[in-house]
């Protein structure tokens, strides 16, 4: 693949990872707040699990792009 193409996609993947961390922190805090208030957290925890799975995919994609970019001559 073209180096510029990979760099652009890597930048997008890095943004997705960073945004994912923000979403995870927010959802973890929400689950904690709900639990502390005595509310049912079942659905919030399911959503958190989905966010965590999505973050794993974002991290794997970013890492693949980094590897591929590292294998291309400058």
C-alpha atoms as a PDB file:
ATOM      1  CA  UNK A   1       0.000   0.000   0.000  1.00  0.00           C
ATOM      2  CA  UNK A   2       0.955   3.613  -0.451  1.00  0.00           C
ATOM      3  CA  UNK A   3       2.778   5.154   2.526  1.00  0.00           C
ATOM      4  CA  UNK A   4       0.600   8.287   2.561  1.00  0.00           C
ATOM      5  CA  UNK A   5      -2.564   6.158   2.515  1.00  0.00           C
ATOM      6  CA  UNK A   6      -1.303   4.145   5.489  1.00  0.00           C
ATOM      7  CA  UNK A   7      -0.296   7.285   7.385  1.00  0.00           C
ATOM      8  CA  UNK A   8      -3.769   8.766   6.904  1.00  0.00           C
ATOM      9  CA  UNK A   9      -5.443   5.555   8.032  1.00  0.00           C
ATOM     10  CA  UNK A  10      -3.101   5.257  10.992  1.00  0.00           C
ATOM     11  CA  UNK A  11      -3.983   8.800  12.054  1.00  0.00           C
ATOM     12  CA  UNK A  12      -7.664   7.892  11.864  1.00  0.00           C
ATOM     13  CA  UNK A  13      -7.073   4.695  13.839  1.00  0.00           C
ATOM     14  CA  UNK A  14      -5.178   6.677  16.502  1.00  0.00           C
ATOM     15  CA  UNK A  15      -8.164   9.048  16.784  1.00  0.00           C
ATOM     16  CA  UNK A  16     -10.525   6.093  17.144  1.00  0.00           C
ATOM     17  CA  UNK A  17      -8.376   4.651  19.935  1.00  0.00           C
ATOM     18  CA  UNK A  18      -8.264   8.000  21.751  1.00  0.00           C
ATOM     19  CA  UNK A  19     -12.007   8.552  21.369  1.00  0.00           C
ATOM     20  CA  UNK A  20     -12.643   4.994  22.502  1.00  0.00           C
ATOM     21  CA  UNK A  21     -10.733   5.631  25.718  1.00  0.00           C
ATOM     22  CA  UNK A  22     -12.928   8.654  26.436  1.00  0.00           C
ATOM     23  CA  UNK A  23     -16.091   6.629  25.821  1.00  0.00           C
ATOM     24  CA  UNK A  24     -14.820   3.805  28.033  1.00  0.00           C
ATOM     25  CA  UNK A  25     -13.986   6.137  30.894  1.00  0.00           C
ATOM     26  CA  UNK A  26     -17.391   7.788  30.646  1.00  0.00           C
ATOM     27  CA  UNK A  27     -19.259   4.472  30.548  1.00  0.00           C
ATOM     28  CA  UNK A  28     -17.245   3.018  33.437  1.00  0.00           C
ATOM     29  CA  UNK A  29     -18.073   6.094  35.485  1.00  0.00           C
ATOM     30  CA  UNK A  30     -21.746   5.783  34.591  1.00  0.00           C
ATOM     31  CA  UNK A  31     -21.832   2.124  35.639  1.00  0.00           C
ATOM     32  CA  UNK A  32     -20.099   3.016  38.885  1.00  0.00           C
ATOM     33  CA  UNK A  33     -22.497   5.889  39.586  1.00  0.00           C
ATOM     34  CA  UNK A  34     -25.542   3.742  38.824  1.00  0.00           C
ATOM     35  CA  UNK A  35     -24.272   0.903  41.007  1.00  0.00           C
ATOM     36  CA  UNK A  36     -23.502   3.276  43.880  1.00  0.00           C
ATOM     37  CA  UNK A  37     -27.045   4.694  43.600  1.00  0.00           C
ATOM     38  CA  UNK A  38     -28.536   1.210  43.765  1.00  0.00           C
ATOM     39  CA  UNK A  39     -29.718   1.084  40.145  1.00  0.00           C
ATOM     40  CA  UNK A  40     -29.717  -1.922  37.858  1.00  0.00           C
ATOM     41  CA  UNK A  41     -26.537  -1.761  35.766  1.00  0.00           C
ATOM     42  CA  UNK A  42     -27.206  -4.746  33.516  1.00  0.00           C
ATOM     43  CA  UNK A  43     -27.747  -2.792  30.296  1.00  0.00           C
ATOM     44  CA  UNK A  44     -25.011  -0.276  31.087  1.00  0.00           C
ATOM     45  CA  UNK A  45     -22.571  -3.117  31.688  1.00  0.00           C
ATOM     46  CA  UNK A  46     -23.573  -4.786  28.417  1.00  0.00           C
ATOM     47  CA  UNK A  47     -22.906  -1.546  26.586  1.00  0.00           C
ATOM     48  CA  UNK A  48     -19.573  -1.221  28.389  1.00  0.00           C
ATOM     49  CA  UNK A  49     -18.626  -4.714  27.229  1.00  0.00           C
ATOM     50  CA  UNK A  50     -19.476  -3.716  23.650  1.00  0.00           C
ATOM     51  CA  UNK A  51     -17.324  -0.602  23.952  1.00  0.00           C
ATOM     52  CA  UNK A  52     -14.460  -2.683  25.330  1.00  0.00           C
ATOM     53  CA  UNK A  53     -14.724  -5.141  22.436  1.00  0.00           C
ATOM     54  CA  UNK A  54     -14.769  -2.265  19.954  1.00  0.00           C
ATOM     55  CA  UNK A  55     -11.690  -0.779  21.599  1.00  0.00           C
ATOM     56  CA  UNK A  56      -9.833  -4.070  21.220  1.00  0.00           C
ATOM     57  CA  UNK A  57     -10.663  -4.000  17.506  1.00  0.00           C
ATOM     58  CA  UNK A  58      -9.483  -0.390  17.203  1.00  0.00           C
ATOM     59  CA  UNK A  59      -6.216  -1.249  18.951  1.00  0.00           C
ATOM     60  CA  UNK A  60      -5.628  -4.299  16.758  1.00  0.00           C
ATOM     61  CA  UNK A  61      -6.329  -2.294  13.602  1.00  0.00           C
ATOM     62  CA  UNK A  62      -3.983   0.491  14.729  1.00  0.00           C
ATOM     63  CA  UNK A  63      -1.258  -2.034  15.523  1.00  0.00           C
ATOM     64  CA  UNK A  64      -1.629  -3.712  12.111  1.00  0.00           C
ATOM     65  CA  UNK A  65      -1.314  -0.345  10.389  1.00  0.00           C
ATOM     66  CA  UNK A  66       1.776   0.495  12.442  1.00  0.00           C
ATOM     67  CA  UNK A  67       3.385  -2.807  11.437  1.00  0.00           C
ATOM     68  CA  UNK A  68       2.533  -2.357   7.800  1.00  0.00           C
ATOM     69  CA  UNK A  69       3.778   1.222   7.797  1.00  0.00           C
ATOM     70  CA  UNK A  70       6.987   0.119   9.498  1.00  0.00           C
ATOM     71  CA  UNK A  71       7.645  -2.386   6.738  1.00  0.00           C
ATOM     72  CA  UNK A  72       7.492   0.236   3.961  1.00  0.00           C
ATOM     73  CA  UNK A  73      10.636   2.020   2.901  1.00  0.00           C
ATOM     74  CA  UNK A  74      10.499   5.820   3.518  1.00  0.00           C
END
